[in-house]
Amino acid sequence: MGKQPAPESIDAYLASLSPEVREVLETVRRIVKEEIPEATETIGYQMPAFKVERIFFYFAAFKKHLGIFPPVKGDDALLRELAPYLGPKNNLKFSFDQPVPYELIRRAVRTLAKQYARR
């Protein structure tokens, strides 16, 4: 079986998802736009991403969870709250069978933008 071609846009990526999963990712997309209005959409590593000078936020749908990359660093209070959602490489994993903590994701977006958006 061949590899899927990389999506050309976030819209194309989202169009390939089930309506329930698409709704979750659309909400995350909207959060990033609200928090970092100067960010532009792109595709990186075949995933939807946002950048200012460089990519600071990737998000993707997996079979059973929403993944957010790269790892959040430095904010100890935020990291304690994110602890239940940390994956094996400290990326974030939010199960689709649990309520998605959007306000926590909003805080992660702001922190990731501070950490990675600019050179």
C-alpha atoms as a PDB file:
ATOM      1  CA  MET A   1       0.000   0.000   0.000  1.00  0.00           C
ATOM      2  CA  GLY A   2       1.407   3.412  -0.980  1.00  0.00           C
ATOM      3  CA  LYS A   3       2.016   6.399   1.197  1.00  0.00           C
ATOM      4  CA  GLN A   4      -0.693   9.068   1.310  1.00  0.00           C
ATOM      5  CA  PRO A   5       0.324  12.262  -0.473  1.00  0.00           C
ATOM      6  CA  ALA A   6       0.908  15.233   1.805  1.00  0.00           C
ATOM      7  CA  PRO A   7      -2.129  17.508   2.050  1.00  0.00           C
ATOM      8  CA  GLU A   8      -1.680  20.864   0.340  1.00  0.00           C
ATOM      9  CA  SER A   9      -3.526  22.851   3.011  1.00  0.00           C
ATOM     10  CA  ILE A  10      -5.138  22.532   6.404  1.00  0.00           C
ATOM     11  CA  ASP A  11      -8.519  22.579   4.664  1.00  0.00           C
ATOM     12  CA  ALA A  12      -7.486  19.572   2.554  1.00  0.00           C
ATOM     13  CA  TYR A  13      -6.227  17.764   5.650  1.00  0.00           C
ATOM     14  CA  LEU A  14      -9.451  18.411   7.560  1.00  0.00           C
ATOM     15  CA  ALA A  15     -11.617  17.345   4.614  1.00  0.00           C
ATOM     16  CA  SER A  16     -10.212  13.816   4.921  1.00  0.00           C
ATOM     17  CA  LEU A  17     -11.401  13.400   8.535  1.00  0.00           C
ATOM     18  CA  SER A  18     -14.661  12.146   9.997  1.00  0.00           C
ATOM     19  CA  PRO A  19     -17.056  14.953  11.004  1.00  0.00           C
ATOM     20  CA  GLU A  20     -16.507  14.344  14.738  1.00  0.00           C
ATOM     21  CA  VAL A  21     -12.720  14.452  14.493  1.00  0.00           C
ATOM     22  CA  ARG A  22     -12.834  17.376  12.045  1.00  0.00           C
ATOM     23  CA  GLU A  23     -14.848  19.382  14.586  1.00  0.00           C
ATOM     24  CA  VAL A  24     -12.170  18.872  17.257  1.00  0.00           C
ATOM     25  CA  LEU A  25      -9.365  19.929  14.908  1.00  0.00           C
ATOM     26  CA  GLU A  26     -11.377  22.910  13.620  1.00  0.00           C
ATOM     27  CA  THR A  27     -11.778  24.078  17.213  1.00  0.00           C
ATOM     28  CA  VAL A  28      -8.029  23.782  17.802  1.00  0.00           C
ATOM     29  CA  ARG A  29      -7.397  25.680  14.550  1.00  0.00           C
ATOM     30  CA  ARG A  30      -9.737  28.453  15.691  1.00  0.00           C
ATOM     31  CA  ILE A  31      -7.993  28.649  19.081  1.00  0.00           C
ATOM     32  CA  VAL A  32      -4.600  29.129  17.436  1.00  0.00           C
ATOM     33  CA  LYS A  33      -5.994  31.868  15.175  1.00  0.00           C
ATOM     34  CA  GLU A  34      -7.561  33.633  18.164  1.00  0.00           C
ATOM     35  CA  GLU A  35      -4.453  33.440  20.326  1.00  0.00           C
ATOM     36  CA  ILE A  36      -1.800  34.151  17.684  1.00  0.00           C
ATOM     37  CA  PRO A  37      -3.584  36.154  14.942  1.00  0.00           C
ATOM     38  CA  GLU A  38      -0.338  36.891  13.082  1.00  0.00           C
ATOM     39  CA  ALA A  39       0.347  33.160  12.599  1.00  0.00           C
ATOM     40  CA  THR A  40      -0.005  31.699   9.131  1.00  0.00           C
ATOM     41  CA  GLU A  41      -1.208  28.226   8.278  1.00  0.00           C
ATOM     42  CA  THR A  42       1.065  25.708   6.653  1.00  0.00           C
ATOM     43  CA  ILE A  43       1.708  21.982   6.406  1.00  0.00           C
ATOM     44  CA  GLY A  44       4.777  20.501   8.080  1.00  0.00           C
ATOM     45  CA  TYR A  45       5.651  16.815   8.334  1.00  0.00           C
ATOM     46  CA  GLN A  46       2.302  16.162   6.574  1.00  0.00           C
ATOM     47  CA  MET A  47       0.439  17.772   9.498  1.00  0.00           C
ATOM     48  CA  PRO A  48      -1.430  21.058   9.871  1.00  0.00           C
ATOM     49  CA  ALA A  49       0.858  23.663  11.409  1.00  0.00           C
ATOM     50  CA  PHE A  50       1.094  27.336  12.289  1.00  0.00           C
ATOM     51  CA  LYS A  51       4.110  29.596  12.028  1.00  0.00           C
ATOM     52  CA  VAL A  52       5.182  33.149  12.653  1.00  0.00           C
ATOM     53  CA  GLU A  53       8.837  33.213  11.627  1.00  0.00           C
ATOM     54  CA  ARG A  54       9.032  29.455  12.064  1.00  0.00           C
ATOM     55  CA  ILE A  55       6.587  26.683  12.891  1.00  0.00           C
ATOM     56  CA  PHE A  56       5.592  26.667  16.539  1.00  0.00           C
ATOM     57  CA  PHE A  57       2.522  24.418  16.536  1.00  0.00           C
ATOM     58  CA  TYR A  58       1.671  21.152  14.768  1.00  0.00           C
ATOM     59  CA  PHE A  59      -1.549  19.234  15.314  1.00  0.00           C
ATOM     60  CA  ALA A  60      -2.870  16.043  13.808  1.00  0.00           C
ATOM     61  CA  ALA A  61      -5.571  13.425  14.083  1.00  0.00           C
ATOM     62  CA  PHE A  62      -4.473   9.916  14.864  1.00  0.00           C
ATOM     63  CA  LYS A  63      -6.695   6.865  15.123  1.00  0.00           C
ATOM     64  CA  LYS A  64      -7.740   7.495  18.734  1.00  0.00           C
ATOM     65  CA  HIS A  65      -6.292  10.867  19.668  1.00  0.00           C
ATOM     66  CA  LEU A  66      -5.393  14.428  18.766  1.00  0.00           C
ATOM     67  CA  GLY A  67      -1.642  14.993  18.819  1.00  0.00           C
ATOM     68  CA  ILE A  68      -0.004  18.369  19.446  1.00  0.00           C
ATOM     69  CA  PHE A  69       3.696  19.007  18.842  1.00  0.00           C
ATOM     70  CA  PRO A  70       6.397  20.082  19.796  1.00  0.00           C
ATOM     71  CA  PRO A  71       6.639  19.508  23.551  1.00  0.00           C
ATOM     72  CA  VAL A  72       5.757  22.385  25.876  1.00  0.00           C
ATOM     73  CA  LYS A  73       8.681  23.418  28.082  1.00  0.00           C
ATOM     74  CA  GLY A  74       9.419  25.761  30.930  1.00  0.00           C
ATOM     75  CA  ASP A  75       6.011  26.594  32.423  1.00  0.00           C
ATOM     76  CA  ASP A  76       5.929  24.304  35.468  1.00  0.00           C
ATOM     77  CA  ALA A  77       2.306  25.042  36.399  1.00  0.00           C
ATOM     78  CA  LEU A  78       1.145  24.355  32.852  1.00  0.00           C
ATOM     79  CA  LEU A  79       3.272  21.213  32.636  1.00  0.00           C
ATOM     80  CA  ARG A  80       1.649  19.830  35.793  1.00  0.00           C
ATOM     81  CA  GLU A  81      -1.786  20.344  34.237  1.00  0.00           C
ATOM     82  CA  LEU A  82      -0.645  18.795  30.955  1.00  0.00           C
ATOM     83  CA  ALA A  83       0.922  15.752  32.669  1.00  0.00           C
ATOM     84  CA  PRO A  84      -2.072  13.422  32.062  1.00  0.00           C
ATOM     85  CA  TYR A  85      -1.843  14.181  28.343  1.00  0.00           C
ATOM     86  CA  LEU A  86       1.891  13.708  27.808  1.00  0.00           C
ATOM     87  CA  GLY A  87       2.898  11.121  25.247  1.00  0.00           C
ATOM     88  CA  PRO A  88       6.150   9.117  25.266  1.00  0.00           C
ATOM     89  CA  LYS A  89       8.193  12.004  23.799  1.00  0.00           C
ATOM     90  CA  ASN A  90       6.379  14.667  25.852  1.00  0.00           C
ATOM     91  CA  ASN A  91       4.146  15.621  22.951  1.00  0.00           C
ATOM     92  CA  LEU A  92       0.494  16.052  23.844  1.00  0.00           C
ATOM     93  CA  LYS A  93      -2.131  13.348  23.256  1.00  0.00           C
ATOM     94  CA  PHE A  94      -5.819  14.086  23.781  1.00  0.00           C
ATOM     95  CA  SER A  95      -8.054  11.022  23.455  1.00  0.00           C
ATOM     96  CA  PHE A  96     -11.096  11.411  21.215  1.00  0.00           C
ATOM     97  CA  ASP A  97     -13.175   9.401  23.699  1.00  0.00           C
ATOM     98  CA  GLN A  98     -12.678  12.020  26.462  1.00  0.00           C
ATOM     99  CA  PRO A  99     -13.736  15.680  26.608  1.00  0.00           C
ATOM    100  CA  VAL A 100     -11.041  17.800  24.967  1.00  0.00           C
ATOM    101  CA  PRO A 101      -9.636  20.404  27.404  1.00  0.00           C
ATOM    102  CA  TYR A 102      -9.690  23.326  24.972  1.00  0.00           C
ATOM    103  CA  GLU A 103      -8.746  25.970  27.546  1.00  0.00           C
ATOM    104  CA  LEU A 104      -5.666  23.939  28.444  1.00  0.00           C
ATOM    105  CA  ILE A 105      -4.832  23.666  24.734  1.00  0.00           C
ATOM    106  CA  ARG A 106      -5.293  27.453  24.467  1.00  0.00           C
ATOM    107  CA  ARG A 107      -2.659  27.932  27.188  1.00  0.00           C
ATOM    108  CA  ALA A 108      -0.335  25.452  25.452  1.00  0.00           C
ATOM    109  CA  VAL A 109      -0.706  27.402  22.177  1.00  0.00           C
ATOM    110  CA  ARG A 110       0.375  30.641  23.865  1.00  0.00           C
ATOM    111  CA  THR A 111       3.333  28.923  25.521  1.00  0.00           C
ATOM    112  CA  LEU A 112       4.462  27.164  22.337  1.00  0.00           C
ATOM    113  CA  ALA A 113       4.256  30.438  20.404  1.00  0.00           C
ATOM    114  CA  LYS A 114       6.522  32.120  22.974  1.00  0.00           C
ATOM    115  CA  GLN A 115       8.961  29.211  22.839  1.00  0.00           C
ATOM    116  CA  TYR A 116       9.183  28.461  19.125  1.00  0.00           C
ATOM    117  CA  ALA A 117       7.482  31.054  16.874  1.00  0.00           C
ATOM    118  CA  ARG A 118      10.432  33.373  16.383  1.00  0.00           C
ATOM    119  CA  ARG A 119      14.083  32.736  15.742  1.00  0.00           C
END
